[in-house]
Amino acid sequence: MERETILIVDDDEMVRLLLRRCLSSWNVVEAVDGMDGLEKATAVKPALLVVDWMMPRMTGEELCRQVRTTRGLEHVPIVMLTAKSEVEDRAASYQSGADHFIAKPFDPEELVAIVARALQRSVPLSYAFPLMRALGDRVEVGDLPSVGEAVSLLGEFQQHMLPQEPVRMGAFSAGGNLAPSVLASGDFFDFIPWPDDRCGLIIGDVSGRGLAAAYFMVMVRTALRVLARESLPLTTYADTLNDILVRETPLDWFVTLVYAVADPARRELEYVNAGHCPLIVVPRTGPWQLYRSNGPGMGFFADHHFESDRITLEQDDIVVFVTDGIVDAPRSESLQERYEWITAVTRRHAGAPPHHIARMLVEGARTDAEGGHKDDLTALVAKFE
């Protein structure tokens, strides 16, 4: 793990040497006075400052006030050192924005304990304050519980929107599984009934991450559900959704998705793949096949007309839909080997229901992901028995 950076600001070289030795467990940067300290704090964005009270060019009190008004440094912990111990100096130190006050000569163990505690307490805030800035000037620390609750409720709402049960229509069955990287997700999957005992299968991944992606995902999924009330050809659904996204969303918002319609009676799958990961058809025996995108992602080009393709399936064929979190999880630079991993997991559990295969793909990707589970993981599986 990368060590946190502490900035020492003191005009006494011997004091800086002692501080550096006391704080050797961290990455230490030094500044020789207040002006130098402000420049280096702005450049390196330290996790904590240790500041002397009396310095040339800019005092410790002035430096604290400057740091507290510098974007990106507003909430960095500051430990103030001084050779004086009068009560008024302590008060002025805290009023200027310091978090802790230590009188010289200081106890090295006390200093280390205070620094460690200050860094420990600052970790949650280092993640929270960028969110607060994004939400606006009226959001304060006291609002964080309600913000966290709102994010949690969004995640619960998204989970509720996902199909709660697998689908079965005669010899055809389908199921899916989704594991968000955080509380809310930019991935989704859905099953939509179609006329003549057909079933719409949808998997998608919206642009961006975090709250914006989560809200965008809800918008796209809602639009798909509303469009499903119309009796339209599959390509017209795709064209209409694309027009909505181009017209109603910012330029850098888009979605990649696969919209497939399964016809159990014909053992046929008609699909539009809008810039998404390929479909993978895994037969009982023989080579698996990829069916790549046949159009761009949605939200890029106005008046684009999407084409559809059809796949004729054999008995016991399994069709696997995934998002890029699944494809990127295996620890291999070879894209071929990654799809071979997906195929191997699918075949290992081929006798299980589709929702179980989807869960095994998600759990396997969560386990195999290099550096941890950093992206949403979604799989949808359809079987023709």
Protein backbone atom coordinates (compact mmCIF):
# COMPACT_ATOMS: atom_id res chain seq x y z
CA MET A 1 0.00 0.00 0.00
CA GLU A 2 1.30 3.48 -0.88
CA ARG A 3 2.35 5.46 2.18
CA GLU A 4 0.51 8.68 3.01
CA THR A 5 2.40 11.95 2.59
CA ILE A 6 3.01 14.29 5.52
CA LEU A 7 4.26 17.83 4.90
CA ILE A 8 6.55 19.29 7.59
CA VAL A 9 6.74 23.11 7.58
CA ASP A 10 9.39 24.48 9.97
CA ASP A 11 12.25 26.97 9.55
CA ASP A 12 14.50 25.10 12.01
CA GLU A 13 16.55 22.44 10.21
CA MET A 14 17.20 20.44 13.41
CA VAL A 15 13.47 20.35 14.22
CA ARG A 16 12.72 19.15 10.68
CA LEU A 17 15.32 16.38 11.10
CA LEU A 18 13.74 15.26 14.38
CA LEU A 19 10.25 15.35 12.88
CA ARG A 20 11.39 13.37 9.86
CA ARG A 21 12.82 10.66 12.11
CA CYS A 22 9.67 10.56 14.26
CA LEU A 23 7.44 10.28 11.19
CA SER A 24 9.57 7.81 9.24
CA SER A 25 6.60 5.45 8.84
CA TRP A 26 5.11 7.93 6.37
CA ASN A 27 6.31 9.65 3.22
CA VAL A 28 7.68 13.00 4.48
CA VAL A 29 8.05 16.20 2.45
CA GLU A 30 9.73 19.29 3.97
CA ALA A 31 9.21 23.04 3.60
CA VAL A 32 11.47 25.69 5.13
CA ASP A 33 8.87 28.41 5.81
CA GLY A 34 5.20 29.28 5.42
CA MET A 35 5.38 30.44 1.79
CA ASP A 36 7.32 27.33 0.81
CA GLY A 37 4.84 25.25 2.78
CA LEU A 38 1.83 26.67 0.92
CA GLU A 39 3.45 26.03 -2.47
CA LYS A 40 4.36 22.45 -1.59
CA ALA A 41 0.98 21.74 0.01
CA THR A 42 -0.75 22.90 -3.18
CA ALA A 43 1.56 20.76 -5.31
CA VAL A 44 1.69 17.47 -3.37
CA LYS A 45 -1.76 17.51 -1.64
CA PRO A 46 -0.46 15.94 1.59
CA ALA A 47 -2.59 13.80 3.87
CA LEU A 48 -1.51 15.89 6.90
CA LEU A 49 0.56 19.00 7.74
CA VAL A 50 2.86 19.55 10.72
CA VAL A 51 3.34 23.34 10.96
CA ASP A 52 5.53 25.55 13.14
CA TRP A 53 3.82 28.56 14.75
CA MET A 54 6.56 31.17 14.23
CA MET A 55 8.20 31.29 10.77
CA PRO A 56 9.56 33.97 8.40
CA ARG A 57 7.63 35.19 5.34
CA MET A 58 4.40 33.51 6.48
CA THR A 59 3.55 32.41 10.01
CA GLY A 60 1.96 29.09 10.87
CA GLU A 61 -1.29 30.89 11.69
CA GLU A 62 -1.34 32.56 8.25
CA LEU A 63 -0.46 29.28 6.55
CA CYS A 64 -3.36 27.52 8.27
CA ARG A 65 -5.80 30.17 7.08
CA GLN A 66 -4.46 29.93 3.52
CA VAL A 67 -4.68 26.12 3.52
CA ARG A 68 -8.27 26.22 4.75
CA THR A 69 -9.27 28.34 1.72
CA THR A 70 -7.32 26.33 -0.89
CA ARG A 71 -9.39 23.90 -2.96
CA GLY A 72 -8.41 20.32 -2.24
CA LEU A 73 -6.75 21.21 1.09
CA GLU A 74 -9.75 22.50 3.05
CA HIS A 75 -10.06 19.41 5.22
CA VAL A 76 -6.43 18.24 5.50
CA PRO A 77 -5.54 17.72 9.20
CA ILE A 78 -3.03 20.26 10.60
CA VAL A 79 -0.85 19.70 13.66
CA MET A 80 0.55 22.98 15.04
CA LEU A 81 3.92 23.14 16.85
CA THR A 82 5.12 26.07 18.94
CA ALA A 83 7.82 26.87 21.48
CA LYS A 84 5.23 28.86 23.41
CA SER A 85 2.47 27.37 25.54
CA GLU A 86 0.25 30.33 26.38
CA VAL A 87 -3.46 29.68 26.25
CA GLU A 88 -4.01 32.50 23.74
CA ASP A 89 -1.63 30.79 21.27
CA ARG A 90 -3.64 27.60 21.51
CA ALA A 91 -6.86 29.49 20.88
CA ALA A 92 -5.39 31.38 17.92
CA SER A 93 -4.02 28.11 16.55
CA TYR A 94 -7.43 26.46 16.59
CA GLN A 95 -9.15 29.58 15.27
CA SER A 96 -6.81 29.65 12.28
CA GLY A 97 -7.85 26.10 11.33
CA ALA A 98 -5.38 23.81 13.12
CA ASP A 99 -6.74 20.52 14.40
CA HIS A 100 -4.10 19.72 17.04
CA PHE A 101 -1.68 21.75 19.15
CA ILE A 102 1.67 20.43 20.48
CA ALA A 103 4.13 22.53 22.50
CA LYS A 104 7.88 22.28 21.97
CA PRO A 105 9.84 20.38 23.13
CA PHE A 106 7.40 17.65 22.10
CA ASP A 107 7.22 13.99 23.09
CA PRO A 108 7.95 11.93 19.92
CA GLU A 109 5.51 9.17 20.95
CA GLU A 110 2.75 11.71 21.56
CA LEU A 111 3.40 13.30 18.17
CA VAL A 112 3.25 9.97 16.35
CA ALA A 113 0.06 8.99 18.18
CA ILE A 114 -1.64 12.30 17.32
CA VAL A 115 -0.59 12.08 13.66
CA ALA A 116 -1.76 8.46 13.33
CA ARG A 117 -5.10 9.27 14.91
CA ALA A 118 -5.61 12.36 12.75
CA LEU A 119 -4.88 10.39 9.59
CA GLN A 120 -7.21 7.59 10.64
CA ARG A 121 -10.06 10.01 11.20
CA SER A 122 -9.44 11.83 7.92
CA VAL A 123 -9.76 8.72 5.71
CA PRO A 124 -13.61 8.68 5.55
CA LEU A 125 -13.69 12.44 4.97
CA SER A 126 -11.21 12.20 2.10
CA TYR A 127 -13.86 10.20 0.23
CA ALA A 128 -16.86 12.15 1.45
CA PHE A 129 -15.82 15.70 0.67
CA PRO A 130 -15.46 15.27 -3.12
CA LEU A 131 -19.06 14.00 -3.04
CA MET A 132 -20.11 17.01 -0.96
CA ARG A 133 -18.47 19.40 -3.45
CA ALA A 134 -20.32 17.67 -6.29
CA LEU A 135 -23.64 18.02 -4.45
CA GLY A 136 -23.21 21.77 -3.91
CA ASP A 137 -22.27 24.41 -1.40
CA ARG A 138 -25.29 23.81 0.83
CA VAL A 139 -24.20 20.28 1.74
CA GLU A 140 -22.34 20.07 5.05
CA VAL A 141 -20.79 17.31 7.13
CA GLY A 142 -24.01 16.91 9.06
CA ASP A 143 -25.83 16.10 5.81
CA LEU A 144 -23.64 13.06 5.05
CA PRO A 145 -25.91 10.52 6.81
CA SER A 146 -28.89 11.59 4.68
CA VAL A 147 -26.72 11.57 1.52
CA GLY A 148 -25.55 8.05 2.35
CA GLU A 149 -29.12 6.96 2.97
CA ALA A 150 -30.19 8.37 -0.40
CA VAL A 151 -27.43 6.47 -2.20
CA SER A 152 -28.37 3.28 -0.34
CA LEU A 153 -32.04 3.71 -1.26
CA LEU A 154 -31.07 4.21 -4.92
CA GLY A 155 -29.17 0.92 -4.83
CA GLU A 156 -32.16 -0.85 -3.24
CA PHE A 157 -34.48 0.67 -5.84
CA GLN A 158 -32.26 -0.56 -8.66
CA GLN A 159 -32.17 -4.07 -7.21
CA HIS A 160 -35.96 -4.02 -6.96
CA MET A 161 -36.17 -3.04 -10.66
CA LEU A 162 -34.23 -6.12 -11.73
CA PRO A 163 -36.20 -9.29 -12.54
CA GLN A 164 -36.79 -11.10 -9.26
CA GLU A 165 -37.51 -14.50 -10.84
CA PRO A 166 -36.07 -16.40 -13.83
CA VAL A 167 -38.17 -16.86 -16.96
CA ARG A 168 -39.41 -20.17 -18.32
CA MET A 169 -41.47 -20.69 -21.49
CA GLY A 170 -41.66 -24.32 -22.56
CA ALA A 171 -38.16 -25.52 -23.43
CA PHE A 172 -36.76 -21.98 -23.11
CA SER A 173 -35.51 -20.51 -19.83
CA ALA A 174 -33.45 -17.46 -18.83
CA GLY A 175 -32.00 -15.92 -15.69
CA GLY A 176 -29.53 -13.25 -14.68
CA ASN A 177 -27.35 -11.98 -11.89
CA LEU A 178 -25.84 -8.57 -11.07
CA ALA A 179 -23.24 -7.52 -8.50
CA PRO A 180 -22.68 -3.74 -8.32
CA SER A 181 -19.17 -2.46 -7.66
CA VAL A 182 -20.66 0.03 -5.19
CA LEU A 183 -24.14 0.52 -3.71
CA ALA A 184 -25.65 1.55 -7.05
CA SER A 185 -24.95 0.23 -10.54
CA GLY A 186 -24.69 1.37 -14.14
CA ASP A 187 -25.40 -2.18 -15.40
CA PHE A 188 -28.85 -3.69 -15.82
CA PHE A 189 -30.67 -6.66 -17.29
CA ASP A 190 -34.35 -7.28 -17.91
CA PHE A 191 -36.90 -9.72 -19.32
CA ILE A 192 -39.82 -8.24 -21.26
CA PRO A 193 -42.80 -10.31 -22.53
CA TRP A 194 -43.37 -10.15 -26.28
CA PRO A 195 -46.38 -11.25 -28.36
CA ASP A 196 -46.68 -14.85 -29.60
CA ASP A 197 -44.96 -16.38 -26.54
CA ARG A 198 -41.68 -14.65 -27.26
CA CYS A 199 -39.41 -13.08 -24.66
CA GLY A 200 -37.28 -9.95 -24.78
CA LEU A 201 -33.83 -10.30 -23.20
CA ILE A 202 -31.91 -7.11 -22.42
CA ILE A 203 -28.51 -6.44 -20.90
CA GLY A 204 -26.90 -3.01 -20.81
CA ASP A 205 -24.13 -0.85 -19.45
CA VAL A 206 -24.51 2.94 -19.28
CA SER A 207 -21.63 5.39 -19.54
CA GLY A 208 -19.89 6.70 -16.45
CA ARG A 209 -19.85 5.44 -12.89
CA GLY A 210 -21.29 6.34 -9.54
CA LEU A 211 -24.54 8.21 -8.93
CA ALA A 212 -24.87 9.71 -12.43
CA ALA A 213 -24.55 6.27 -14.03
CA ALA A 214 -27.04 4.81 -11.55
CA TYR A 215 -29.67 7.44 -12.34
CA PHE A 216 -29.01 7.09 -16.07
CA MET A 217 -29.45 3.32 -15.79
CA VAL A 218 -32.90 3.85 -14.21
CA MET A 219 -33.83 6.22 -17.05
CA VAL A 220 -32.79 3.78 -19.80
CA ARG A 221 -34.50 0.80 -18.20
CA THR A 222 -37.71 2.85 -17.70
CA ALA A 223 -37.67 3.98 -21.34
CA LEU A 224 -37.32 0.37 -22.49
CA ARG A 225 -40.29 -0.66 -20.35
CA VAL A 226 -42.44 2.18 -21.68
CA LEU A 227 -41.54 1.36 -25.29
CA ALA A 228 -42.46 -2.28 -24.65
CA ARG A 229 -46.12 -1.25 -24.48
CA GLU A 230 -46.03 -0.63 -28.22
CA SER A 231 -46.18 -3.42 -30.80
CA LEU A 232 -43.09 -2.50 -32.79
CA PRO A 233 -40.39 -4.38 -34.67
CA LEU A 234 -37.18 -4.90 -32.67
CA THR A 235 -35.17 -2.49 -34.83
CA THR A 236 -37.80 0.23 -34.31
CA TYR A 237 -37.45 -0.19 -30.54
CA ALA A 238 -33.71 0.33 -30.91
CA ASP A 239 -34.09 3.35 -33.20
CA THR A 240 -36.62 4.98 -30.86
CA LEU A 241 -34.54 4.47 -27.73
CA ASN A 242 -31.49 5.89 -29.51
CA ASP A 243 -33.46 8.99 -30.58
CA ILE A 244 -34.65 9.52 -26.99
CA LEU A 245 -31.11 9.34 -25.63
CA VAL A 246 -29.68 11.65 -28.30
CA ARG A 247 -32.43 14.19 -27.71
CA GLU A 248 -32.81 14.05 -23.92
CA THR A 249 -29.33 13.41 -22.48
CA PRO A 250 -25.92 15.20 -22.46
CA LEU A 251 -23.49 14.53 -25.29
CA ASP A 252 -21.23 12.24 -23.26
CA TRP A 253 -24.09 10.00 -22.01
CA PHE A 254 -24.61 6.77 -23.91
CA VAL A 255 -25.46 3.13 -23.36
CA THR A 256 -24.24 -0.11 -24.87
CA LEU A 257 -26.79 -2.90 -24.81
CA VAL A 258 -28.04 -6.08 -26.37
CA TYR A 259 -31.77 -6.38 -27.02
CA ALA A 260 -32.62 -9.92 -28.11
CA VAL A 261 -36.00 -11.53 -28.71
CA ALA A 262 -36.14 -15.28 -28.08
CA ASP A 263 -38.65 -17.34 -30.05
CA PRO A 264 -38.82 -20.72 -28.24
CA ALA A 265 -41.00 -22.33 -30.92
CA ARG A 266 -38.52 -21.58 -33.69
CA ARG A 267 -35.40 -21.89 -31.51
CA GLU A 268 -34.42 -18.52 -32.88
CA LEU A 269 -32.90 -15.39 -31.41
CA GLU A 270 -33.25 -12.03 -33.14
CA TYR A 271 -30.93 -9.40 -31.66
CA VAL A 272 -29.62 -5.86 -31.88
CA ASN A 273 -26.18 -5.46 -30.33
CA ALA A 274 -25.55 -1.74 -29.86
CA GLY A 275 -21.81 -1.52 -29.18
CA HIS A 276 -21.96 -4.11 -26.40
CA CYS A 277 -19.89 -7.21 -25.60
CA PRO A 278 -20.51 -10.07 -28.05
CA LEU A 279 -23.13 -12.70 -27.43
CA ILE A 280 -21.57 -16.09 -26.72
CA VAL A 281 -23.34 -19.22 -27.94
CA VAL A 282 -22.10 -22.30 -26.11
CA PRO A 283 -23.28 -25.62 -27.61
CA ARG A 284 -23.28 -28.92 -25.72
CA THR A 285 -20.29 -30.02 -27.79
CA GLY A 286 -18.14 -28.34 -30.40
CA PRO A 287 -16.73 -24.82 -30.64
CA TRP A 288 -18.41 -21.81 -29.06
CA GLN A 289 -19.17 -18.74 -31.19
CA LEU A 290 -19.13 -14.98 -30.67
CA TYR A 291 -21.77 -12.74 -32.22
CA ARG A 292 -20.37 -9.23 -32.17
CA SER A 293 -22.10 -5.85 -32.19
CA ASN A 294 -24.04 -4.89 -35.30
CA GLY A 295 -24.39 -1.19 -34.46
CA PRO A 296 -22.91 1.65 -32.38
CA GLY A 297 -23.79 2.41 -28.78
CA MET A 298 -27.04 4.31 -28.28
CA GLY A 299 -26.96 8.03 -27.66
CA PHE A 300 -24.20 8.85 -30.16
CA PHE A 301 -25.85 9.43 -33.53
CA ALA A 302 -29.22 10.98 -34.29
CA ASP A 303 -31.47 9.20 -36.78
CA HIS A 304 -29.30 6.09 -36.82
CA HIS A 305 -31.10 2.98 -38.11
CA PHE A 306 -30.17 -0.22 -36.31
CA GLU A 307 -30.12 -3.57 -38.05
CA SER A 308 -30.91 -6.88 -36.41
CA ASP A 309 -29.40 -10.33 -36.91
CA ARG A 310 -30.80 -13.79 -36.20
CA ILE A 311 -29.27 -16.88 -34.65
CA THR A 312 -30.78 -20.32 -35.12
CA LEU A 313 -30.09 -22.43 -32.05
CA GLU A 314 -29.82 -26.15 -31.49
CA GLN A 315 -31.12 -28.16 -28.55
CA ASP A 316 -29.10 -27.56 -25.35
CA ASP A 317 -27.46 -24.43 -26.74
CA ILE A 318 -26.68 -21.83 -24.07
CA VAL A 319 -26.55 -18.13 -24.92
CA VAL A 320 -24.47 -15.95 -22.58
CA PHE A 321 -24.84 -12.16 -22.32
CA VAL A 322 -22.28 -10.29 -20.16
CA THR A 323 -21.09 -6.77 -19.42
CA ASP A 324 -17.45 -5.73 -19.67
CA GLY A 325 -16.89 -6.27 -15.94
CA ILE A 326 -17.15 -10.02 -16.57
CA VAL A 327 -14.96 -9.92 -19.68
CA ASP A 328 -12.26 -7.85 -17.96
CA ALA A 329 -12.14 -9.95 -14.77
CA PRO A 330 -9.99 -12.95 -15.82
CA ARG A 331 -6.27 -12.35 -15.27
CA SER A 332 -5.24 -12.59 -18.90
CA GLU A 333 -4.29 -10.01 -21.51
CA SER A 334 -5.70 -12.29 -24.21
CA LEU A 335 -9.32 -11.52 -25.08
CA GLN A 336 -9.63 -15.03 -26.52
CA GLU A 337 -8.62 -16.54 -23.18
CA ARG A 338 -11.11 -14.38 -21.34
CA TYR A 339 -13.98 -15.65 -23.47
CA GLU A 340 -12.64 -19.18 -23.05
CA TRP A 341 -12.90 -18.64 -19.28
CA ILE A 342 -16.54 -17.54 -19.64
CA THR A 343 -17.25 -20.58 -21.81
CA ALA A 344 -15.53 -22.94 -19.38
CA VAL A 345 -17.60 -21.66 -16.43
CA THR A 346 -20.77 -21.97 -18.51
CA ARG A 347 -20.02 -25.56 -19.53
CA ARG A 348 -19.02 -26.52 -15.98
CA HIS A 349 -22.52 -25.58 -14.81
CA ALA A 350 -24.42 -26.39 -18.01
CA GLY A 351 -26.80 -28.75 -16.21
CA ALA A 352 -27.92 -26.05 -13.78
CA PRO A 353 -30.72 -23.48 -14.35
CA PRO A 354 -29.72 -20.31 -16.22
CA HIS A 355 -29.83 -18.04 -13.17
CA HIS A 356 -27.37 -20.37 -11.42
CA ILE A 357 -24.97 -20.23 -14.39
CA ALA A 358 -25.24 -16.42 -14.37
CA ARG A 359 -24.47 -16.34 -10.65
CA MET A 360 -21.44 -18.60 -11.13
CA LEU A 361 -20.13 -16.25 -13.82
CA VAL A 362 -20.55 -13.23 -11.54
CA GLU A 363 -19.04 -14.99 -8.51
CA GLY A 364 -16.17 -16.34 -10.60
CA ALA A 365 -15.46 -12.87 -12.00
CA ARG A 366 -15.58 -11.39 -8.51
CA THR A 367 -13.02 -13.95 -7.33
CA ASP A 368 -10.72 -13.80 -10.36
CA ALA A 369 -10.75 -10.02 -10.85
CA GLU A 370 -7.21 -8.70 -10.60
CA GLY A 371 -6.92 -5.93 -8.02
CA GLY A 372 -10.39 -6.62 -6.65
CA HIS A 373 -13.96 -6.23 -7.83
CA LYS A 374 -13.85 -2.68 -9.31
CA ASP A 375 -16.59 -2.79 -11.93
CA ASP A 376 -20.23 -3.83 -12.04
CA LEU A 377 -20.56 -7.54 -12.89
CA THR A 378 -23.62 -8.68 -14.83
CA ALA A 379 -24.50 -11.88 -16.64
CA LEU A 380 -27.68 -13.06 -18.34
CA VAL A 381 -28.01 -16.65 -19.54
CA ALA A 382 -30.61 -18.24 -21.82
CA LYS A 383 -31.03 -21.99 -22.47
CA PHE A 384 -32.85 -23.83 -25.23
CA GLU A 385 -33.43 -27.41 -24.00
